[in-house]
Amino acid sequence: MGYNFDQLNATMLPIILGHAPAGASTNSVIHYAQSVRNQDFRKWDFGKNKNLEVYGVDPPPQYDLSKVTAPVAIYWGQNDWLVQEPDVYRFANAMPNLVKIQRVNHDKWNHVDFVWGIDADTLLYNPIMEFMKRF
């Protein structure tokens, strides 16, 4: 998910590994893989016959991001191996109510640093909270 030893609290590693991955199902990982393979943000792909039965079309329909009415802020990391910069901007361009897109100000910031980064409070959480106060 990216390498960033300066943001890893190594003494916490046994606790982190004892709880991770948490909140991710096999289906979530498969759906992510489908999105990567198709380079698109679509509903679950059951296969042609089941897609026709469930959705009435094949391939599955794209998620309609034009229905997102809440203000959206996107924060991303330069060293995130799961979410690449071009994908961040492609997603951002589809959001009708994008109010902010912000790269975390740390060149090695990666996917897990959003949760476990030593400086997540100062580099991410505090700025997010300040930004949210405006809404």
Protein backbone atom coordinates (compact mmCIF):
# COMPACT_ATOMS: atom_id res chain seq x y z
CA MET A 1 0.00 0.00 0.00
CA GLY A 2 3.12 2.14 -0.03
CA TYR A 3 6.34 2.26 1.94
CA ASN A 4 6.87 5.00 4.50
CA PHE A 5 8.91 3.86 7.47
CA ASP A 6 9.09 7.38 8.98
CA GLN A 7 5.32 7.31 9.54
CA LEU A 8 5.21 3.77 10.95
CA ASN A 9 5.19 3.36 14.71
CA ALA A 10 7.08 0.05 14.76
CA THR A 11 6.25 -0.61 18.42
CA MET A 12 2.56 -0.59 17.44
CA LEU A 13 3.08 -3.08 14.61
CA PRO A 14 1.97 -6.18 16.61
CA ILE A 15 -1.28 -4.41 17.56
CA ILE A 16 -1.84 -3.14 14.02
CA LEU A 17 -1.27 -6.58 12.53
CA GLY A 18 -3.57 -8.10 15.14
CA HIS A 19 -6.43 -5.94 13.89
CA ALA A 20 -5.76 -5.65 10.19
CA PRO A 21 -7.26 -6.11 7.78
CA ALA A 22 -10.42 -5.15 9.62
CA GLY A 23 -13.57 -3.99 7.93
CA ALA A 24 -12.64 -5.38 4.53
CA SER A 25 -14.50 -8.37 3.16
CA THR A 26 -13.40 -10.65 0.37
CA ASN A 27 -16.18 -9.17 -1.76
CA SER A 28 -14.82 -5.66 -1.17
CA VAL A 29 -11.39 -6.75 -2.36
CA ILE A 30 -12.89 -8.50 -5.40
CA HIS A 31 -14.99 -5.43 -6.25
CA TYR A 32 -11.87 -3.28 -6.01
CA ALA A 33 -10.09 -5.71 -8.37
CA GLN A 34 -13.01 -5.48 -10.80
CA SER A 35 -12.67 -1.69 -10.79
CA VAL A 36 -8.93 -1.92 -11.43
CA ARG A 37 -9.43 -4.44 -14.23
CA ASN A 38 -12.18 -2.40 -15.89
CA GLN A 39 -10.62 0.98 -15.05
CA ASP A 40 -14.08 2.15 -14.11
CA PHE A 41 -16.32 2.66 -11.07
CA ARG A 42 -19.20 0.24 -11.63
CA LYS A 43 -21.54 -1.86 -9.57
CA TRP A 44 -20.60 -5.45 -8.73
CA ASP A 45 -19.94 -7.58 -11.81
CA PHE A 46 -21.78 -10.90 -11.45
CA GLY A 47 -20.96 -12.05 -14.99
CA LYS A 48 -22.99 -11.49 -18.15
CA ASN A 49 -26.09 -13.60 -17.41
CA LYS A 50 -26.53 -12.50 -13.79
CA ASN A 51 -25.76 -8.86 -14.70
CA LEU A 52 -28.61 -8.97 -17.22
CA GLU A 53 -30.89 -10.49 -14.58
CA VAL A 54 -29.95 -8.06 -11.79
CA TYR A 55 -29.25 -4.82 -13.69
CA GLY A 56 -30.87 -5.41 -17.06
CA VAL A 57 -27.54 -4.60 -18.76
CA ASP A 58 -24.06 -5.99 -19.17
CA PRO A 59 -21.55 -4.77 -18.14
CA PRO A 60 -22.90 -3.48 -14.80
CA PRO A 61 -23.93 0.18 -14.68
CA GLN A 62 -21.51 2.82 -13.49
CA TYR A 63 -22.20 4.49 -10.18
CA ASP A 64 -23.96 7.77 -10.90
CA LEU A 65 -21.71 10.22 -9.10
CA SER A 66 -23.86 13.12 -10.32
CA LYS A 67 -26.25 12.11 -7.52
CA VAL A 68 -23.71 13.02 -4.84
CA THR A 69 -25.11 16.20 -3.34
CA ALA A 70 -22.86 16.63 -0.30
CA PRO A 71 -19.75 18.80 -0.55
CA VAL A 72 -16.76 16.54 -1.23
CA ALA A 73 -13.14 17.00 -0.19
CA ILE A 74 -10.53 14.52 -1.42
CA TYR A 75 -7.22 14.00 0.35
CA TRP A 76 -4.65 11.74 -1.28
CA GLY A 77 -1.10 10.48 -0.79
CA GLN A 78 1.70 10.66 -3.34
CA ASN A 79 3.03 7.21 -2.35
CA ASP A 80 -0.31 5.36 -2.22
CA TRP A 81 0.09 2.16 -4.23
CA LEU A 82 -3.68 1.49 -4.26
CA VAL A 83 -4.89 4.92 -5.36
CA GLN A 84 -2.76 6.54 -8.04
CA GLU A 85 -2.80 10.27 -8.81
CA PRO A 86 -4.46 9.95 -12.26
CA ASP A 87 -7.28 7.93 -10.68
CA VAL A 88 -7.71 10.54 -7.94
CA TYR A 89 -8.19 13.28 -10.53
CA ARG A 90 -10.44 11.14 -12.74
CA PHE A 91 -12.69 10.52 -9.73
CA ALA A 92 -12.51 14.17 -8.67
CA ASN A 93 -13.56 15.32 -12.14
CA ALA A 94 -16.70 13.17 -11.86
CA MET A 95 -17.76 14.71 -8.54
CA PRO A 96 -20.32 17.49 -9.06
CA ASN A 97 -19.77 19.06 -5.63
CA LEU A 98 -16.01 18.84 -5.27
CA VAL A 99 -14.91 21.68 -3.02
CA LYS A 100 -11.33 20.62 -2.36
CA ILE A 101 -8.67 18.23 -3.58
CA GLN A 102 -5.54 18.09 -1.48
CA ARG A 103 -2.36 16.02 -1.65
CA VAL A 104 -1.12 15.27 1.88
CA ASN A 105 2.03 17.34 2.35
CA HIS A 106 4.39 14.40 2.76
CA ASP A 107 6.08 12.84 -0.27
CA LYS A 108 5.94 9.28 1.08
CA TRP A 109 2.35 9.43 2.38
CA ASN A 110 0.64 6.12 1.57
CA HIS A 111 -2.65 4.29 1.93
CA VAL A 112 -2.19 3.10 5.51
CA ASP A 113 -0.73 6.41 6.72
CA PHE A 114 -4.26 7.82 6.55
CA VAL A 115 -5.05 5.61 9.56
CA TRP A 116 -1.72 4.76 11.19
CA GLY A 117 0.64 7.56 10.17
CA ILE A 118 2.54 8.98 13.14
CA ASP A 119 1.84 12.53 11.93
CA ALA A 120 -1.69 11.86 10.68
CA ASP A 121 -3.06 14.30 13.24
CA THR A 122 -1.02 17.29 12.06
CA LEU A 123 -0.77 16.42 8.36
CA LEU A 124 -4.34 15.25 7.86
CA TYR A 125 -6.84 15.09 10.72
CA ASN A 126 -6.45 18.65 12.04
CA PRO A 127 -6.61 20.22 8.56
CA ILE A 128 -9.68 18.11 7.76
CA MET A 129 -11.41 19.22 10.96
CA GLU A 130 -10.62 22.87 10.24
CA PHE A 131 -11.93 22.50 6.71
CA MET A 132 -15.11 20.76 7.89
CA LYS A 133 -15.91 23.67 10.22
CA ARG A 134 -16.67 25.70 7.09
CA PHE A 135 -19.52 23.34 6.26
